[in-house]
């Protein structure tokens, strides 16, 4: 079984960089501020940006090896 951890860490920076580098239209819908851009462009940008700015080691903390003794209070206990 593979566990996947999803985190929003650094997505504010990703969004800022995307808006700086790609065309994004700003407007409003009702009382909400909105941004309009092709989702495919955003995904392609994120695929390049994330490995450079949020390496997988930062993304997923690794549990201790099974041979390592567990300590009281360890979230993996």
Protein backbone atom coordinates (compact mmCIF):
# COMPACT_ATOMS: atom_id res chain seq x y z
CA UNK A 1 0.00 0.00 0.00
CA UNK A 2 1.28 3.50 -0.85
CA UNK A 3 0.33 6.42 1.36
CA UNK A 4 0.05 9.82 -0.28
CA UNK A 5 0.32 13.00 1.71
CA UNK A 6 -1.13 16.11 0.13
CA UNK A 7 0.01 19.47 1.40
CA UNK A 8 -0.74 23.02 0.33
CA UNK A 9 2.70 24.21 1.47
CA UNK A 10 4.16 26.76 -0.96
CA UNK A 11 1.11 26.84 -3.24
CA UNK A 12 0.84 30.57 -2.59
CA UNK A 13 4.35 30.96 -4.06
CA UNK A 14 3.46 28.69 -6.96
CA UNK A 15 0.40 30.82 -7.74
CA UNK A 16 2.40 34.04 -7.51
CA UNK A 17 5.08 32.72 -9.86
CA UNK A 18 2.48 31.38 -12.30
CA UNK A 19 0.74 34.77 -12.47
CA UNK A 20 4.09 36.49 -12.97
CA UNK A 21 5.14 34.19 -15.81
CA UNK A 22 1.86 33.32 -17.56
CA UNK A 23 -1.13 35.35 -18.80
CA UNK A 24 -3.87 35.40 -16.16
CA UNK A 25 -7.03 37.48 -16.50
CA UNK A 26 -8.42 38.97 -13.29
CA UNK A 27 -12.04 39.89 -12.77
CA UNK A 28 -14.99 39.34 -10.49
CA UNK A 29 -17.96 37.04 -10.38
CA UNK A 30 -20.56 38.40 -8.01
CA UNK A 31 -18.62 39.53 -4.95
CA UNK A 32 -15.71 37.13 -5.57
CA UNK A 33 -12.35 38.10 -7.08
CA UNK A 34 -11.45 35.52 -9.75
CA UNK A 35 -8.61 34.58 -12.05
CA UNK A 36 -9.08 33.00 -15.47
CA UNK A 37 -6.37 30.85 -17.08
CA UNK A 38 -6.13 27.52 -18.91
CA UNK A 39 -5.93 24.69 -16.38
CA UNK A 40 -3.62 22.70 -18.67
CA UNK A 41 -1.13 25.61 -18.53
CA UNK A 42 -1.32 25.70 -14.74
CA UNK A 43 -0.75 21.94 -14.45
CA UNK A 44 2.21 22.01 -16.85
CA UNK A 45 3.70 24.96 -14.93
CA UNK A 46 3.22 23.19 -11.59
CA UNK A 47 4.85 20.02 -12.93
CA UNK A 48 7.99 22.02 -13.65
CA UNK A 49 7.81 24.31 -10.60
CA UNK A 50 7.14 21.81 -7.81
CA UNK A 51 10.26 19.62 -8.20
CA UNK A 52 12.45 22.74 -8.09
CA UNK A 53 10.77 24.48 -5.16
CA UNK A 54 9.30 21.65 -3.09
CA UNK A 55 11.44 18.52 -3.36
CA UNK A 56 9.76 15.26 -2.42
CA UNK A 57 11.85 15.04 0.76
CA UNK A 58 10.09 18.16 2.06
CA UNK A 59 6.72 16.90 0.91
CA UNK A 60 6.57 13.55 2.66
CA UNK A 61 8.20 13.04 6.04
CA UNK A 62 9.42 9.46 6.22
CA UNK A 63 8.46 7.22 9.14
CA UNK A 64 11.30 5.62 11.04
CA UNK A 65 12.54 2.27 9.67
CA UNK A 66 10.77 -0.74 11.13
CA UNK A 67 13.94 -1.71 12.96
CA UNK A 68 14.14 1.66 14.75
CA UNK A 69 12.70 1.74 18.28
CA UNK A 70 9.54 3.83 18.58
CA UNK A 71 9.38 6.48 21.24
CA UNK A 72 6.40 7.46 23.34
CA UNK A 73 4.53 10.30 21.63
CA UNK A 74 5.75 9.24 18.18
CA UNK A 75 2.86 9.79 15.73
CA UNK A 76 3.71 6.46 14.04
CA UNK A 77 2.97 4.43 17.19
